[in-house]
Amino acid sequence: MIKKNDPIFLAGHKGLIGSAIYRRLIFHGYKNVITISKKNLDLKNQAKVFNFLKKNYFKIVIVAAAKVGGIFANITNRADFIYDNLSIQNNLIHGAFKNNIKNLIFLGSSCIYPKESKQPLKENYLLSGKLEDTNESYAIAKIAGIIMCKSYNIQYKTNYKCLMPCNAYGPGDNYNIKNSHFFAAFIKKIIDAKRKKKKQIIIWGSGKPLREIIFSEDVADACIFFMNKKTKETLINIGSGYERTIYEFAKFIANYFKVNVNFKFDNSIPDGTPRKVLDNSVARKYGWFPKINLETGLLLTYKDFIKRQK
C-alpha cells in the first residue's frame, strides 16, 4: 500500500498519460509526487538516472515516460523508438532495483500483442505470434520492459507491475497531424475543417481497422488502483471495451461538433493491425473498471485542445 505521504517518482509527467497520472495523484491526496523535467534529467542517460534514484528515496517509481506516436511516427523513426524506449525503461527499472525500490508501475500499449492474435487480447497471448511491422520497434521495447519486470519479480521478489492500456486520448495529447495518435489527429483535422470551411478530410489507410480507446484519466486511475493492489500477475490489460473502426471514430467526432465533411481514404498509408481489443477480465477481477464515456472524454479533450491553440 502506498501511503499519502510516501514519495512517488513519476517519470514522464508532461505526456498524455503521465500528466493524467499527476493530476489524479494530486486529486486523490498524494502529497509527495516528485517530477523532473527532461532538461534536468535525461532519462536515456544511465549514470544520471542511477545517481538521481540513489540520492532520492522513493516508495514507488511510475514509468510513464516513453517515446510515442502514431503510425507515421512509428514507421519513420523506428531506430529512435526502440533505442529511446529501451534506454528509458532499462535505466528506470534497473535503477529502481539497484536502489531497493520494491514498487514500480511500467506503462505500455496494446500494440505489444501479435498482429493476427485471437480477440479479445488476453495477457497470455504475449509473444504468441508475429508483431505488426509498422510499430514493431516500439512494441519490442515495451515487451522487453514487461519481461524485465517479470524477471525481477521472479528473481528478486520485487513488486513491479506492467499496465497495458488500449489507445488512449485526453488532455495533454499531441495534436501534430504527422506524429499524433489517430484520435487526436481527427480532433485537429475536424476542428480545422470547421474553422476553414473545408469539405473534405483525409483518413490515413482504409479506415477499416478496429480500435479500442480509453480516456487518459481512466488509465491514470488504473495506475493508482493497481499501485495499491496486491496482484499475482505482472502484466495487466487496461481496456475500455469501447471499440469502433477508424472511420466510425472520424464520423463520431465530426457529428459531435456538427461538421459536415466528406472523408477520403489515403491507401498509400498502411492500416496497421486490423483489430486489437483487450480482454479486461484480469483488471475487472481485482475491481477496476473505466468510468469516463466517450462523449465526456471528447468534450474534456476538446477543451484542452482549444486552450492549447490560444
C-alpha atoms as a PDB file:
ATOM      1  CA  MET A   1       0.000   0.000   0.000  1.00  0.00           C
ATOM      2  CA  ILE A   2       1.338   3.430  -0.996  1.00  0.00           C
ATOM      3  CA  LYS A   3       0.514   5.970   1.729  1.00  0.00           C
ATOM      4  CA  LYS A   4      -0.498   9.565   1.007  1.00  0.00           C
ATOM      5  CA  ASN A   5       2.843  10.942   2.272  1.00  0.00           C
ATOM      6  CA  ASP A   6       5.065   8.345   0.588  1.00  0.00           C
ATOM      7  CA  PRO A   7       7.483   9.789  -2.003  1.00  0.00           C
ATOM      8  CA  ILE A   8       6.406   8.839  -5.534  1.00  0.00           C
ATOM      9  CA  PHE A   9       8.648   9.405  -8.561  1.00  0.00           C
ATOM     10  CA  LEU A  10       6.565   9.959 -11.699  1.00  0.00           C
ATOM     11  CA  ALA A  11       8.700   9.789 -14.849  1.00  0.00           C
ATOM     12  CA  GLY A  12       7.065  11.337 -17.915  1.00  0.00           C
ATOM     13  CA  HIS A  13       4.737  13.756 -16.122  1.00  0.00           C
ATOM     14  CA  LYS A  14       4.311  16.006 -19.189  1.00  0.00           C
ATOM     15  CA  GLY A  15       2.956  13.339 -21.533  1.00  0.00           C
ATOM     16  CA  LEU A  16      -0.641  12.314 -22.197  1.00  0.00           C
ATOM     17  CA  ILE A  17      -0.735   9.510 -19.612  1.00  0.00           C
ATOM     18  CA  GLY A  18       1.876  10.984 -17.270  1.00  0.00           C
ATOM     19  CA  SER A  19       0.076  14.312 -16.923  1.00  0.00           C
ATOM     20  CA  ALA A  20      -3.182  12.467 -16.209  1.00  0.00           C
ATOM     21  CA  ILE A  21      -1.462  10.365 -13.543  1.00  0.00           C
ATOM     22  CA  TYR A  22      -0.062  13.512 -11.938  1.00  0.00           C
ATOM     23  CA  ARG A  23      -3.496  15.191 -11.828  1.00  0.00           C
ATOM     24  CA  ARG A  24      -5.165  12.102 -10.381  1.00  0.00           C
ATOM     25  CA  LEU A  25      -2.478  11.512  -7.757  1.00  0.00           C
ATOM     26  CA  ILE A  26      -2.946  15.083  -6.519  1.00  0.00           C
ATOM     27  CA  PHE A  27      -6.745  14.692  -6.684  1.00  0.00           C
ATOM     28  CA  HIS A  28      -6.538  11.525  -4.560  1.00  0.00           C
ATOM     29  CA  GLY A  29      -4.470  13.316  -1.923  1.00  0.00           C
ATOM     30  CA  TYR A  30      -0.945  12.086  -2.588  1.00  0.00           C
ATOM     31  CA  LYS A  31       1.238  14.861  -1.190  1.00  0.00           C
ATOM     32  CA  ASN A  32       4.747  13.838  -2.229  1.00  0.00           C
ATOM     33  CA  VAL A  33       4.695  13.336  -6.003  1.00  0.00           C
ATOM     34  CA  ILE A  34       8.154  14.057  -7.415  1.00  0.00           C
ATOM     35  CA  THR A  35       8.681  15.004 -11.071  1.00  0.00           C
ATOM     36  CA  ILE A  36      11.676  16.298 -13.008  1.00  0.00           C
ATOM     37  CA  SER A  37      11.990  17.902 -16.437  1.00  0.00           C
ATOM     38  CA  LYS A  38      13.907  16.490 -19.405  1.00  0.00           C
ATOM     39  CA  LYS A  39      16.207  19.483 -19.132  1.00  0.00           C
ATOM     40  CA  ASN A  40      17.228  18.471 -15.616  1.00  0.00           C
ATOM     41  CA  LEU A  41      17.328  14.712 -16.110  1.00  0.00           C
ATOM     42  CA  ASP A  42      17.863  12.876 -19.397  1.00  0.00           C
ATOM     43  CA  LEU A  43      16.206   9.523 -18.744  1.00  0.00           C
ATOM     44  CA  LYS A  44      18.320   7.956 -21.507  1.00  0.00           C
ATOM     45  CA  ASN A  45      21.486   8.716 -19.505  1.00  0.00           C
ATOM     46  CA  GLN A  46      22.084   5.718 -17.257  1.00  0.00           C
ATOM     47  CA  ALA A  47      24.599   7.333 -14.920  1.00  0.00           C
ATOM     48  CA  LYS A  48      22.396  10.368 -14.294  1.00  0.00           C
ATOM     49  CA  VAL A  49      19.262   8.275 -13.709  1.00  0.00           C
ATOM     50  CA  PHE A  50      21.065   5.917 -11.327  1.00  0.00           C
ATOM     51  CA  ASN A  51      22.520   8.870  -9.433  1.00  0.00           C
ATOM     52  CA  PHE A  52      19.113  10.575  -9.185  1.00  0.00           C
ATOM     53  CA  LEU A  53      17.480   7.427  -7.783  1.00  0.00           C
ATOM     54  CA  LYS A  54      20.389   6.919  -5.372  1.00  0.00           C
ATOM     55  CA  LYS A  55      20.177  10.459  -3.984  1.00  0.00           C
ATOM     56  CA  ASN A  56      16.394  10.434  -3.511  1.00  0.00           C
ATOM     57  CA  TYR A  57      14.290   7.932  -1.596  1.00  0.00           C
ATOM     58  CA  PHE A  58      11.117   6.775  -3.390  1.00  0.00           C
ATOM     59  CA  LYS A  59       8.483   4.299  -2.276  1.00  0.00           C
ATOM     60  CA  ILE A  60       7.435   3.713  -5.898  1.00  0.00           C
ATOM     61  CA  VAL A  61       8.542   4.643  -9.421  1.00  0.00           C
ATOM     62  CA  ILE A  62       5.893   5.139 -12.108  1.00  0.00           C
ATOM     63  CA  VAL A  63       7.305   4.787 -15.633  1.00  0.00           C
ATOM     64  CA  ALA A  64       5.028   6.857 -17.877  1.00  0.00           C
ATOM     65  CA  ALA A  65       7.993   8.263 -19.829  1.00  0.00           C
ATOM     66  CA  ALA A  66       8.284   6.963 -23.385  1.00  0.00           C
ATOM     67  CA  LYS A  67       8.788   7.982 -26.992  1.00  0.00           C
ATOM     68  CA  VAL A  68       5.332   7.585 -28.544  1.00  0.00           C
ATOM     69  CA  GLY A  69       3.452   8.490 -31.714  1.00  0.00           C
ATOM     70  CA  GLY A  70       1.047   7.347 -34.389  1.00  0.00           C
ATOM     71  CA  ILE A  71       1.638   5.075 -37.360  1.00  0.00           C
ATOM     72  CA  PHE A  72       3.634   7.628 -39.398  1.00  0.00           C
ATOM     73  CA  ALA A  73       5.990   8.372 -36.482  1.00  0.00           C
ATOM     74  CA  ASN A  74       6.475   4.652 -35.825  1.00  0.00           C
ATOM     75  CA  ILE A  75       7.340   3.960 -39.464  1.00  0.00           C
ATOM     76  CA  THR A  76       9.754   6.857 -39.945  1.00  0.00           C
ATOM     77  CA  ASN A  77      11.505   6.771 -36.543  1.00  0.00           C
ATOM     78  CA  ARG A  78      11.973   3.049 -35.956  1.00  0.00           C
ATOM     79  CA  ALA A  79      15.517   3.300 -34.575  1.00  0.00           C
ATOM     80  CA  ASP A  80      14.607   6.161 -32.234  1.00  0.00           C
ATOM     81  CA  PHE A  81      11.549   4.305 -30.960  1.00  0.00           C
ATOM     82  CA  ILE A  82      13.443   1.185 -29.980  1.00  0.00           C
ATOM     83  CA  TYR A  83      16.607   2.869 -28.660  1.00  0.00           C
ATOM     84  CA  ASP A  84      14.924   5.656 -26.682  1.00  0.00           C
ATOM     85  CA  ASN A  85      12.322   3.406 -25.099  1.00  0.00           C
ATOM     86  CA  LEU A  86      14.773   0.644 -24.191  1.00  0.00           C
ATOM     87  CA  SER A  87      17.156   3.187 -22.685  1.00  0.00           C
ATOM     88  CA  ILE A  88      14.491   4.975 -20.626  1.00  0.00           C
ATOM     89  CA  GLN A  89      12.856   1.862 -19.213  1.00  0.00           C
ATOM     90  CA  ASN A  90      16.097  -0.056 -18.584  1.00  0.00           C
ATOM     91  CA  ASN A  91      17.525   2.857 -16.624  1.00  0.00           C
ATOM     92  CA  LEU A  92      14.405   3.336 -14.531  1.00  0.00           C
ATOM     93  CA  ILE A  93      13.621  -0.332 -13.872  1.00  0.00           C
ATOM     94  CA  HIS A  94      17.184  -1.405 -13.078  1.00  0.00           C
ATOM     95  CA  GLY A  95      17.837   1.885 -11.280  1.00  0.00           C
ATOM     96  CA  ALA A  96      14.819   1.226  -9.053  1.00  0.00           C
ATOM     97  CA  PHE A  97      16.081  -2.284  -8.296  1.00  0.00           C
ATOM     98  CA  LYS A  98      19.627  -1.074  -7.543  1.00  0.00           C
ATOM     99  CA  ASN A  99      18.246   1.373  -5.007  1.00  0.00           C
ATOM    100  CA  ASN A 100      15.949  -1.110  -3.290  1.00  0.00           C
ATOM    101  CA  ILE A 101      12.720   0.416  -4.627  1.00  0.00           C
ATOM    102  CA  LYS A 102      10.370  -2.549  -4.417  1.00  0.00           C
ATOM    103  CA  ASN A 103       7.343  -0.968  -6.116  1.00  0.00           C
ATOM    104  CA  LEU A 104       7.137   0.099  -9.767  1.00  0.00           C
ATOM    105  CA  ILE A 105       4.453   0.639 -12.399  1.00  0.00           C
ATOM    106  CA  PHE A 106       5.507   0.275 -16.057  1.00  0.00           C
ATOM    107  CA  LEU A 107       3.091   1.554 -18.714  1.00  0.00           C
ATOM    108  CA  GLY A 108       2.916   0.291 -22.270  1.00  0.00           C
ATOM    109  CA  SER A 109       0.376  -0.268 -25.021  1.00  0.00           C
ATOM    110  CA  SER A 110      -1.886  -2.885 -26.588  1.00  0.00           C
ATOM    111  CA  CYS A 111       0.435  -2.961 -29.636  1.00  0.00           C
ATOM    112  CA  ILE A 112       2.603  -5.466 -27.734  1.00  0.00           C
ATOM    113  CA  TYR A 113       0.294  -8.270 -28.887  1.00  0.00           C
ATOM    114  CA  PRO A 114       0.663 -10.199 -32.174  1.00  0.00           C
ATOM    115  CA  LYS A 115      -0.930  -8.726 -35.298  1.00  0.00           C
ATOM    116  CA  GLU A 116      -3.071 -11.777 -36.056  1.00  0.00           C
ATOM    117  CA  SER A 117      -3.840 -12.720 -32.463  1.00  0.00           C
ATOM    118  CA  LYS A 118      -7.175 -14.080 -31.295  1.00  0.00           C
ATOM    119  CA  GLN A 119      -9.546 -11.401 -29.983  1.00  0.00           C
ATOM    120  CA  PRO A 120     -10.078 -10.089 -27.380  1.00  0.00           C
ATOM    121  CA  LEU A 121      -6.400  -9.980 -26.436  1.00  0.00           C
ATOM    122  CA  LYS A 122      -5.551 -11.882 -23.261  1.00  0.00           C
ATOM    123  CA  GLU A 123      -2.335 -11.245 -21.350  1.00  0.00           C
ATOM    124  CA  ASN A 124      -1.094 -14.775 -22.075  1.00  0.00           C
ATOM    125  CA  TYR A 125      -1.190 -14.090 -25.838  1.00  0.00           C
ATOM    126  CA  LEU A 126       2.031 -12.084 -25.458  1.00  0.00           C
ATOM    127  CA  LEU A 127       4.817 -13.470 -27.713  1.00  0.00           C
ATOM    128  CA  SER A 128       2.436 -15.946 -29.334  1.00  0.00           C
ATOM    129  CA  GLY A 129       2.863 -14.590 -32.871  1.00  0.00           C
ATOM    130  CA  LYS A 130       4.349 -12.030 -35.263  1.00  0.00           C
ATOM    131  CA  LEU A 131       4.028  -8.336 -34.452  1.00  0.00           C
ATOM    132  CA  GLU A 132       2.569  -5.632 -36.707  1.00  0.00           C
ATOM    133  CA  ASP A 133       5.512  -4.343 -38.750  1.00  0.00           C
ATOM    134  CA  THR A 134       4.605  -0.639 -38.547  1.00  0.00           C
ATOM    135  CA  ASN A 135       5.065  -0.465 -34.756  1.00  0.00           C
ATOM    136  CA  GLU A 136       7.465  -3.371 -34.265  1.00  0.00           C
ATOM    137  CA  SER A 137      10.269  -1.237 -32.763  1.00  0.00           C
ATOM    138  CA  TYR A 138       8.040   0.333 -30.118  1.00  0.00           C
ATOM    139  CA  ALA A 139       6.323  -2.969 -29.321  1.00  0.00           C
ATOM    140  CA  ILE A 140       9.579  -4.886 -28.892  1.00  0.00           C
ATOM    141  CA  ALA A 141      10.884  -2.242 -26.498  1.00  0.00           C
ATOM    142  CA  LYS A 142       7.713  -2.466 -24.407  1.00  0.00           C
ATOM    143  CA  ILE A 143       7.768  -6.282 -24.461  1.00  0.00           C
ATOM    144  CA  ALA A 144      11.353  -6.149 -23.192  1.00  0.00           C
ATOM    145  CA  GLY A 145      10.168  -3.928 -20.324  1.00  0.00           C
ATOM    146  CA  ILE A 146       7.433  -6.407 -19.412  1.00  0.00           C
ATOM    147  CA  ILE A 147       9.800  -9.378 -19.412  1.00  0.00           C
ATOM    148  CA  MET A 148      12.324  -7.327 -17.427  1.00  0.00           C
ATOM    149  CA  CYS A 149       9.749  -6.524 -14.729  1.00  0.00           C
ATOM    150  CA  LYS A 150       8.554 -10.126 -14.646  1.00  0.00           C
ATOM    151  CA  SER A 151      12.146 -11.392 -14.333  1.00  0.00           C
ATOM    152  CA  TYR A 152      12.946  -9.047 -11.440  1.00  0.00           C
ATOM    153  CA  ASN A 153       9.735 -10.121  -9.698  1.00  0.00           C
ATOM    154  CA  ILE A 154      10.697 -13.777 -10.019  1.00  0.00           C
ATOM    155  CA  GLN A 155      14.384 -13.450  -9.150  1.00  0.00           C
ATOM    156  CA  TYR A 156      14.341 -10.596  -6.641  1.00  0.00           C
ATOM    157  CA  LYS A 157      10.758 -10.652  -5.285  1.00  0.00           C
ATOM    158  CA  THR A 158      10.026  -7.086  -6.397  1.00  0.00           C
ATOM    159  CA  ASN A 159       6.506  -5.727  -6.902  1.00  0.00           C
ATOM    160  CA  TYR A 160       6.810  -4.429 -10.471  1.00  0.00           C
ATOM    161  CA  LYS A 161       3.536  -4.250 -12.408  1.00  0.00           C
ATOM    162  CA  CYS A 162       3.022  -3.639 -16.139  1.00  0.00           C
ATOM    163  CA  LEU A 163      -0.215  -1.959 -17.220  1.00  0.00           C
ATOM    164  CA  MET A 164      -1.076  -2.119 -20.922  1.00  0.00           C
ATOM    165  CA  PRO A 165      -3.839   0.305 -21.970  1.00  0.00           C
ATOM    166  CA  CYS A 166      -5.615   0.376 -25.304  1.00  0.00           C
ATOM    167  CA  ASN A 167      -5.398   3.553 -27.449  1.00  0.00           C
ATOM    168  CA  ALA A 168      -5.548   6.479 -25.029  1.00  0.00           C
ATOM    169  CA  TYR A 169      -6.757  10.037 -25.632  1.00  0.00           C
ATOM    170  CA  GLY A 170      -7.362  13.073 -23.447  1.00  0.00           C
ATOM    171  CA  PRO A 171      -5.981  16.418 -22.214  1.00  0.00           C
ATOM    172  CA  GLY A 172      -2.261  16.831 -22.833  1.00  0.00           C
ATOM    173  CA  ASP A 173      -2.351  14.880 -26.090  1.00  0.00           C
ATOM    174  CA  ASN A 174      -0.124  15.683 -29.060  1.00  0.00           C
ATOM    175  CA  TYR A 175      -2.181  17.190 -31.895  1.00  0.00           C
ATOM    176  CA  ASN A 176       0.578  17.138 -34.508  1.00  0.00           C
ATOM    177  CA  ILE A 177      -1.014  15.665 -37.639  1.00  0.00           C
ATOM    178  CA  LYS A 178       2.049  13.613 -38.621  1.00  0.00           C
ATOM    179  CA  ASN A 179       3.121  12.356 -35.203  1.00  0.00           C
ATOM    180  CA  SER A 180      -0.032  12.117 -33.081  1.00  0.00           C
ATOM    181  CA  HIS A 181      -2.321   9.159 -32.474  1.00  0.00           C
ATOM    182  CA  PHE A 182      -5.358   8.908 -34.720  1.00  0.00           C
ATOM    183  CA  PHE A 183      -7.985  10.255 -32.293  1.00  0.00           C
ATOM    184  CA  ALA A 184      -6.067  13.454 -31.528  1.00  0.00           C
ATOM    185  CA  ALA A 185      -5.309  13.894 -35.236  1.00  0.00           C
ATOM    186  CA  PHE A 186      -9.034  13.648 -36.053  1.00  0.00           C
ATOM    187  CA  ILE A 187      -9.913  16.294 -33.469  1.00  0.00           C
ATOM    188  CA  LYS A 188      -7.418  18.705 -35.029  1.00  0.00           C
ATOM    189  CA  LYS A 189      -8.406  17.913 -38.633  1.00  0.00           C
ATOM    190  CA  ILE A 190     -12.139  18.235 -37.964  1.00  0.00           C
ATOM    191  CA  ILE A 191     -11.928  21.438 -35.901  1.00  0.00           C
ATOM    192  CA  ASP A 192      -9.618  22.938 -38.554  1.00  0.00           C
ATOM    193  CA  ALA A 193     -12.115  21.940 -41.253  1.00  0.00           C
ATOM    194  CA  LYS A 194     -14.907  23.677 -39.333  1.00  0.00           C
ATOM    195  CA  ARG A 195     -12.863  26.853 -38.931  1.00  0.00           C
ATOM    196  CA  LYS A 196     -11.672  26.956 -42.533  1.00  0.00           C
ATOM    197  CA  LYS A 197     -14.933  25.650 -44.028  1.00  0.00           C
ATOM    198  CA  LYS A 198     -13.226  22.653 -45.626  1.00  0.00           C
ATOM    199  CA  LYS A 199     -15.435  19.999 -47.176  1.00  0.00           C
ATOM    200  CA  GLN A 200     -13.011  17.076 -47.197  1.00  0.00           C
ATOM    201  CA  ILE A 201     -10.775  15.336 -44.664  1.00  0.00           C
ATOM    202  CA  ILE A 202      -8.132  12.706 -45.405  1.00  0.00           C
ATOM    203  CA  ILE A 203      -8.141   9.472 -43.390  1.00  0.00           C
ATOM    204  CA  TRP A 204      -4.880   7.546 -43.488  1.00  0.00           C
ATOM    205  CA  GLY A 205      -5.389   3.976 -44.719  1.00  0.00           C
ATOM    206  CA  SER A 206      -8.741   2.346 -45.440  1.00  0.00           C
ATOM    207  CA  GLY A 207     -10.485   3.474 -42.240  1.00  0.00           C
ATOM    208  CA  LYS A 208     -11.478  -0.157 -41.592  1.00  0.00           C
ATOM    209  CA  PRO A 209      -9.175  -1.187 -38.711  1.00  0.00           C
ATOM    210  CA  LEU A 210     -10.953  -1.526 -35.380  1.00  0.00           C
ATOM    211  CA  ARG A 211      -9.587   0.369 -32.405  1.00  0.00           C
ATOM    212  CA  GLU A 212     -10.470   0.416 -28.707  1.00  0.00           C
ATOM    213  CA  ILE A 213      -9.964   3.777 -26.983  1.00  0.00           C
ATOM    214  CA  ILE A 214      -9.780   4.872 -23.353  1.00  0.00           C
ATOM    215  CA  PHE A 215      -9.720   8.266 -21.658  1.00  0.00           C
ATOM    216  CA  SER A 216      -6.302   9.104 -20.196  1.00  0.00           C
ATOM    217  CA  GLU A 217      -7.623   9.709 -16.674  1.00  0.00           C
ATOM    218  CA  ASP A 218      -9.157   6.224 -16.620  1.00  0.00           C
ATOM    219  CA  VAL A 219      -5.653   4.876 -17.299  1.00  0.00           C
ATOM    220  CA  ALA A 220      -4.326   7.137 -14.532  1.00  0.00           C
ATOM    221  CA  ASP A 221      -6.908   5.847 -12.062  1.00  0.00           C
ATOM    222  CA  ALA A 222      -5.983   2.280 -13.043  1.00  0.00           C
ATOM    223  CA  CYS A 223      -2.365   3.122 -12.230  1.00  0.00           C
ATOM    224  CA  ILE A 224      -3.317   4.415  -8.769  1.00  0.00           C
ATOM    225  CA  PHE A 225      -5.678   1.478  -8.195  1.00  0.00           C
ATOM    226  CA  PHE A 226      -3.061  -1.152  -9.011  1.00  0.00           C
ATOM    227  CA  MET A 227      -0.175   0.518  -7.195  1.00  0.00           C
ATOM    228  CA  ASN A 228      -2.260  -0.141  -4.077  1.00  0.00           C
ATOM    229  CA  LYS A 229      -3.382  -3.639  -5.015  1.00  0.00           C
ATOM    230  CA  LYS A 230      -1.535  -6.900  -4.431  1.00  0.00           C
ATOM    231  CA  THR A 231      -1.665  -8.955  -7.629  1.00  0.00           C
ATOM    232  CA  LYS A 232      -0.141 -12.234  -8.690  1.00  0.00           C
ATOM    233  CA  GLU A 233       0.059 -11.059 -12.318  1.00  0.00           C
ATOM    234  CA  THR A 234       2.873  -8.822 -13.613  1.00  0.00           C
ATOM    235  CA  LEU A 235       1.029  -7.905 -16.850  1.00  0.00           C
ATOM    236  CA  ILE A 236      -2.496  -6.443 -16.688  1.00  0.00           C
ATOM    237  CA  ASN A 237      -4.574  -5.122 -19.594  1.00  0.00           C
ATOM    238  CA  ILE A 238      -6.353  -1.787 -19.132  1.00  0.00           C
ATOM    239  CA  GLY A 239      -9.197  -1.617 -21.642  1.00  0.00           C
ATOM    240  CA  SER A 240     -12.497   0.193 -22.022  1.00  0.00           C
ATOM    241  CA  GLY A 241     -14.466  -2.180 -24.227  1.00  0.00           C
ATOM    242  CA  TYR A 242     -15.332   0.804 -26.461  1.00  0.00           C
ATOM    243  CA  GLU A 243     -14.370  -0.296 -29.977  1.00  0.00           C
ATOM    244  CA  ARG A 244     -15.144   1.208 -33.396  1.00  0.00           C
ATOM    245  CA  THR A 245     -13.492   1.418 -36.808  1.00  0.00           C
ATOM    246  CA  ILE A 246     -11.160   4.334 -37.518  1.00  0.00           C
ATOM    247  CA  TYR A 247     -13.771   5.685 -39.944  1.00  0.00           C
ATOM    248  CA  GLU A 248     -16.546   5.423 -37.350  1.00  0.00           C
ATOM    249  CA  PHE A 249     -14.483   7.429 -34.862  1.00  0.00           C
ATOM    250  CA  ALA A 250     -13.923  10.121 -37.506  1.00  0.00           C
ATOM    251  CA  LYS A 251     -17.670  10.287 -38.220  1.00  0.00           C
ATOM    252  CA  PHE A 252     -18.471  10.406 -34.498  1.00  0.00           C
ATOM    253  CA  ILE A 253     -16.165  13.384 -33.907  1.00  0.00           C
ATOM    254  CA  ALA A 254     -17.487  15.199 -36.976  1.00  0.00           C
ATOM    255  CA  ASN A 255     -21.104  14.636 -35.912  1.00  0.00           C
ATOM    256  CA  TYR A 256     -20.338  15.655 -32.324  1.00  0.00           C
ATOM    257  CA  PHE A 257     -19.015  19.021 -33.498  1.00  0.00           C
ATOM    258  CA  LYS A 258     -21.662  19.319 -36.255  1.00  0.00           C
ATOM    259  CA  VAL A 259     -19.066  19.440 -39.017  1.00  0.00           C
ATOM    260  CA  ASN A 260     -20.359  18.362 -42.429  1.00  0.00           C
ATOM    261  CA  VAL A 261     -17.392  16.930 -44.327  1.00  0.00           C
ATOM    262  CA  ASN A 262     -16.594  14.110 -46.717  1.00  0.00           C
ATOM    263  CA  PHE A 263     -13.888  11.607 -45.862  1.00  0.00           C
ATOM    264  CA  LYS A 264     -11.287  10.496 -48.385  1.00  0.00           C
ATOM    265  CA  PHE A 265      -9.048   7.492 -47.737  1.00  0.00           C
ATOM    266  CA  ASP A 266      -5.315   7.561 -48.394  1.00  0.00           C
ATOM    267  CA  ASN A 267      -4.485   3.920 -49.080  1.00  0.00           C
ATOM    268  CA  SER A 268      -0.780   4.699 -49.536  1.00  0.00           C
ATOM    269  CA  ILE A 269      -0.570   4.663 -45.713  1.00  0.00           C
ATOM    270  CA  PRO A 270      -0.744   1.137 -44.207  1.00  0.00           C
ATOM    271  CA  ASP A 271      -3.627   0.227 -41.917  1.00  0.00           C
ATOM    272  CA  GLY A 272      -1.553  -1.367 -39.184  1.00  0.00           C
ATOM    273  CA  THR A 273      -3.104  -4.082 -37.017  1.00  0.00           C
ATOM    274  CA  PRO A 274      -6.647  -4.901 -38.225  1.00  0.00           C
ATOM    275  CA  ARG A 275      -8.048  -5.224 -34.709  1.00  0.00           C
ATOM    276  CA  LYS A 276      -6.750  -5.021 -31.121  1.00  0.00           C
ATOM    277  CA  VAL A 277      -9.376  -5.094 -28.410  1.00  0.00           C
ATOM    278  CA  LEU A 278      -8.195  -6.008 -24.926  1.00  0.00           C
ATOM    279  CA  ASP A 279      -9.592  -8.679 -22.664  1.00  0.00           C
ATOM    280  CA  ASN A 280     -10.131  -6.730 -19.446  1.00  0.00           C
ATOM    281  CA  SER A 281     -11.065  -9.667 -17.227  1.00  0.00           C
ATOM    282  CA  VAL A 282      -7.923  -9.625 -15.042  1.00  0.00           C
ATOM    283  CA  ALA A 283      -8.349  -5.926 -14.187  1.00  0.00           C
ATOM    284  CA  ARG A 284     -12.063  -6.432 -13.540  1.00  0.00           C
ATOM    285  CA  LYS A 285     -11.321  -9.418 -11.296  1.00  0.00           C
ATOM    286  CA  TYR A 286      -9.473  -7.051  -8.962  1.00  0.00           C
ATOM    287  CA  GLY A 287     -12.274  -4.483  -9.079  1.00  0.00           C
ATOM    288  CA  TRP A 288     -11.046  -1.883 -11.579  1.00  0.00           C
ATOM    289  CA  PHE A 289     -13.438  -0.506 -14.221  1.00  0.00           C
ATOM    290  CA  PRO A 290     -13.198   2.534 -16.562  1.00  0.00           C
ATOM    291  CA  LYS A 291     -15.630   5.378 -15.743  1.00  0.00           C
ATOM    292  CA  ILE A 292     -15.457   8.056 -18.467  1.00  0.00           C
ATOM    293  CA  ASN A 293     -17.703   7.653 -21.508  1.00  0.00           C
ATOM    294  CA  LEU A 294     -16.656   8.797 -24.981  1.00  0.00           C
ATOM    295  CA  GLU A 295     -18.838  11.924 -25.065  1.00  0.00           C
ATOM    296  CA  THR A 296     -17.460  13.206 -21.759  1.00  0.00           C
ATOM    297  CA  GLY A 297     -13.898  12.328 -22.700  1.00  0.00           C
ATOM    298  CA  LEU A 298     -14.177  14.034 -26.090  1.00  0.00           C
ATOM    299  CA  LEU A 299     -15.551  17.233 -24.541  1.00  0.00           C
ATOM    300  CA  LEU A 300     -12.711  17.394 -21.980  1.00  0.00           C
ATOM    301  CA  THR A 301     -10.150  16.706 -24.714  1.00  0.00           C
ATOM    302  CA  TYR A 302     -11.673  19.385 -26.956  1.00  0.00           C
ATOM    303  CA  LYS A 303     -11.471  21.976 -24.155  1.00  0.00           C
ATOM    304  CA  ASP A 304      -7.790  21.134 -23.723  1.00  0.00           C
ATOM    305  CA  PHE A 305      -7.222  21.383 -27.486  1.00  0.00           C
ATOM    306  CA  ILE A 306      -8.815  24.851 -27.631  1.00  0.00           C
ATOM    307  CA  LYS A 307      -6.781  26.033 -24.643  1.00  0.00           C
ATOM    308  CA  ARG A 308      -3.571  24.915 -26.365  1.00  0.00           C
ATOM    309  CA  GLN A 309      -4.450  26.852 -29.519  1.00  0.00           C
ATOM    310  CA  LYS A 310      -4.540  30.194 -27.691  1.00  0.00           C
END
